[in-house]
Amino acid sequence: MTIIIKTNDRYQDNSDNREVVLRVLNIKQTHMESMVVYDSNYGNTKTLAEVIAQVLGCDAHSVKDISDVDVSNLRLLVVGSPINAWRPTAAIRDFLDKLHLDNTVKAAAFDTRIRTFISGDAAKRIGKGLQDVGANLIVKPEGFYVMDNEGPFEDGEMQRAMDWANDILAAVQSASSDAA
């Protein structure tokens, strides 16, 4: 099942400035409170967060705009960050440090990175941070590649992000079916 939400939104996908146009293919309600939280230095992580949020049918929020998070109705939390000194940004680390969840909250983590042999893995650290505060990680943390600090994304990364978000939806729906 492919779930891509919104029509006529355009996102730059690769270095030749090709645009990806999202089209509504099939929408299935998840009946849950979902949120994507991100930090972004050059806009790459923000762009991915917005694409992931559209697939999930929720909003993306900059961690810098969040002062208090009401997690009482939260069922899915996705957190993303660029790699900063081999780890998530300080703002994302602070956000995770203040968070308290229970294991009914499903979670996923992603990062944006440059393809080097020593880039680090912020997504894995975010995933561990989410588990440490009680969330249930439902998909493997994922890294998405940009060509340079300021982008653009490597070929195919935007589509890979949409596919990963669809994997999150499938995992949420599977977990909901198992619980029923």
Protein backbone atom coordinates (compact mmCIF):
# COMPACT_ATOMS: atom_id res chain seq x y z
CA MET A 1 0.00 0.00 0.00
CA THR A 2 1.37 3.41 -0.91
CA ILE A 3 0.18 6.39 1.08
CA ILE A 4 1.23 9.81 -0.14
CA ILE A 5 -0.78 12.79 1.01
CA LYS A 6 -1.40 16.20 -0.57
CA THR A 7 -1.45 17.18 -4.19
CA ASN A 8 0.79 19.65 -5.99
CA ASP A 9 3.34 20.02 -3.21
CA ARG A 10 6.80 20.05 -4.69
CA TYR A 11 10.08 19.05 -3.11
CA GLN A 12 13.53 19.18 -4.62
CA ASP A 13 14.82 15.63 -4.90
CA ASN A 14 18.30 15.79 -6.36
CA SER A 15 21.15 17.83 -7.75
CA ASP A 16 19.59 18.36 -11.19
CA ASN A 17 16.70 20.23 -9.51
CA ARG A 18 14.13 17.63 -10.55
CA GLU A 19 10.98 18.06 -8.49
CA VAL A 20 8.94 15.33 -6.94
CA VAL A 21 5.20 15.93 -7.06
CA LEU A 22 3.27 14.12 -4.37
CA ARG A 23 -0.07 12.74 -5.47
CA VAL A 24 -2.87 11.26 -3.43
CA LEU A 25 -2.88 7.52 -4.14
CA ASN A 26 -4.59 5.97 -1.16
CA ILE A 27 -5.36 7.50 2.23
CA LYS A 28 -6.11 5.39 5.27
CA GLN A 29 -6.83 7.07 8.60
CA THR A 30 -4.60 6.09 11.49
CA HIS A 31 -6.90 7.53 14.22
CA MET A 32 -4.03 8.58 16.42
CA GLU A 33 -2.23 11.67 17.52
CA SER A 34 1.02 11.86 15.59
CA MET A 35 3.80 14.40 15.47
CA VAL A 36 7.09 14.87 13.64
CA VAL A 37 9.68 16.94 15.53
CA TYR A 38 12.85 18.08 13.81
CA ASP A 39 15.83 20.39 13.99
CA SER A 40 17.36 21.74 10.80
CA ASN A 41 20.44 23.78 10.03
CA TYR A 42 20.08 24.34 6.28
CA GLY A 43 16.49 23.24 5.61
CA ASN A 44 17.20 19.66 4.51
CA THR A 45 15.90 18.00 7.66
CA LYS A 46 12.90 20.34 7.67
CA THR A 47 12.03 19.31 4.12
CA LEU A 48 12.23 15.62 5.01
CA ALA A 49 10.20 16.17 8.19
CA GLU A 50 7.45 17.85 6.17
CA VAL A 51 7.36 15.03 3.61
CA ILE A 52 7.25 12.39 6.36
CA ALA A 53 4.51 14.33 8.17
CA GLN A 54 2.43 14.53 5.00
CA VAL A 55 2.65 10.79 4.51
CA LEU A 56 1.70 10.23 8.15
CA GLY A 57 -1.13 12.78 7.99
CA CYS A 58 0.20 14.97 10.78
CA ASP A 59 2.20 18.17 11.30
CA ALA A 60 5.93 18.72 11.45
CA HIS A 61 7.22 20.99 14.23
CA SER A 62 10.61 22.59 14.62
CA VAL A 63 12.04 21.67 17.99
CA LYS A 64 12.89 25.36 18.39
CA ASP A 65 9.16 26.18 18.34
CA ILE A 66 8.24 23.65 21.02
CA SER A 67 8.36 24.77 24.61
CA ASP A 68 6.12 22.16 26.20
CA VAL A 69 4.89 18.92 24.66
CA ASP A 70 1.54 17.51 25.72
CA VAL A 71 2.09 13.80 25.27
CA SER A 72 -1.15 12.66 26.91
CA ASN A 73 -2.76 11.80 23.54
CA LEU A 74 0.45 11.11 21.63
CA ARG A 75 0.56 7.74 19.90
CA LEU A 76 3.32 8.29 17.31
CA LEU A 77 6.41 10.48 17.54
CA VAL A 78 8.97 10.80 14.75
CA VAL A 79 12.14 12.77 15.52
CA GLY A 80 14.76 13.95 13.03
CA SER A 81 18.01 15.90 13.13
CA PRO A 82 21.00 16.66 10.97
CA ILE A 83 24.21 15.07 12.17
CA ASN A 84 26.09 17.60 14.26
CA ALA A 85 29.52 16.49 15.51
CA TRP A 86 28.59 12.81 14.96
CA ARG A 87 25.31 13.07 16.90
CA PRO A 88 21.91 14.83 16.93
CA THR A 89 21.84 18.58 17.48
CA ALA A 90 21.86 19.93 21.02
CA ALA A 91 18.24 21.08 20.60
CA ILE A 92 17.07 17.54 19.79
CA ARG A 93 19.12 16.07 22.65
CA ASP A 94 17.55 18.61 25.05
CA PHE A 95 14.06 17.80 23.70
CA LEU A 96 14.61 14.09 24.32
CA ASP A 97 16.01 14.75 27.81
CA LYS A 98 12.78 16.53 28.81
CA LEU A 99 10.47 13.92 27.30
CA HIS A 100 8.66 11.24 29.32
CA LEU A 101 6.63 8.68 27.35
CA ASP A 102 5.17 5.28 27.97
CA ASN A 103 5.59 2.19 25.84
CA THR A 104 2.25 2.75 24.11
CA VAL A 105 3.87 5.63 22.19
CA LYS A 106 5.33 4.38 18.95
CA ALA A 107 8.40 6.17 17.66
CA ALA A 108 10.81 6.49 14.75
CA ALA A 109 14.05 8.41 14.21
CA PHE A 110 15.86 9.84 11.19
CA ASP A 111 18.78 12.06 10.31
CA THR A 112 20.24 13.88 7.35
CA ARG A 113 23.88 13.26 6.59
CA ILE A 114 26.68 13.62 4.10
CA ARG A 115 28.13 10.42 2.68
CA THR A 116 31.53 10.14 4.39
CA PHE A 117 33.24 7.35 6.26
CA ILE A 118 33.06 9.26 9.57
CA SER A 119 29.71 11.04 9.44
CA GLY A 120 28.21 9.53 12.59
CA ASP A 121 24.70 8.21 13.15
CA ALA A 122 22.32 10.70 14.74
CA ALA A 123 19.28 8.58 13.85
CA LYS A 124 20.53 5.64 15.91
CA ARG A 125 21.22 7.94 18.88
CA ILE A 126 17.78 9.56 18.56
CA GLY A 127 16.21 6.10 18.45
CA LYS A 128 18.05 5.09 21.62
CA GLY A 129 17.00 8.37 23.23
CA LEU A 130 13.37 7.69 22.36
CA GLN A 131 13.60 4.21 23.85
CA ASP A 132 15.31 5.58 26.96
CA VAL A 133 12.32 7.88 27.61
CA GLY A 134 9.88 4.99 27.20
CA ALA A 135 8.82 5.00 23.54
CA ASN A 136 8.46 1.85 21.47
CA LEU A 137 10.71 2.14 18.37
CA ILE A 138 8.71 0.57 15.52
CA VAL A 139 11.09 0.91 12.56
CA LYS A 140 14.84 0.97 12.19
CA PRO A 141 16.34 4.49 12.51
CA GLU A 142 17.18 5.85 9.06
CA GLY A 143 19.73 8.24 7.60
CA PHE A 144 19.04 10.25 4.43
CA TYR A 145 21.88 11.64 2.32
CA VAL A 146 22.51 15.17 1.12
CA MET A 147 25.25 16.05 -1.34
CA ASP A 148 26.68 18.88 0.79
CA ASN A 149 25.84 20.61 4.09
CA GLU A 150 23.33 22.84 2.35
CA GLY A 151 21.99 20.12 0.05
CA PRO A 152 20.58 19.15 -2.31
CA PHE A 153 19.49 15.60 -1.53
CA GLU A 154 21.18 12.73 -3.32
CA ASP A 155 19.14 11.11 -6.09
CA GLY A 156 16.23 9.06 -4.77
CA GLU A 157 16.43 10.17 -1.14
CA MET A 158 13.07 11.95 -1.17
CA GLN A 159 11.37 8.82 -2.47
CA ARG A 160 13.23 6.74 0.11
CA ALA A 161 11.90 9.07 2.83
CA MET A 162 8.34 8.61 1.58
CA ASP A 163 8.82 4.83 1.50
CA TRP A 164 10.22 4.91 5.06
CA ALA A 165 7.21 6.95 6.23
CA ASN A 166 4.92 4.37 4.62
CA ASP A 167 6.83 1.67 6.54
CA ILE A 168 6.05 3.60 9.73
CA LEU A 169 2.35 3.64 8.82
CA ALA A 170 2.40 -0.07 8.10
CA ALA A 171 4.10 -0.77 11.45
CA VAL A 172 1.56 1.39 13.29
CA GLN A 173 -1.34 -0.33 11.57
CA SER A 174 0.17 -3.77 12.25
CA ALA A 175 0.65 -2.92 15.94
CA SER A 176 -2.94 -1.62 16.13
CA SER A 177 -4.24 -4.85 14.55
CA ASP A 178 -2.20 -6.96 16.96
CA ALA A 179 -3.58 -5.02 19.94
CA ALA A 180 -7.20 -5.43 18.81
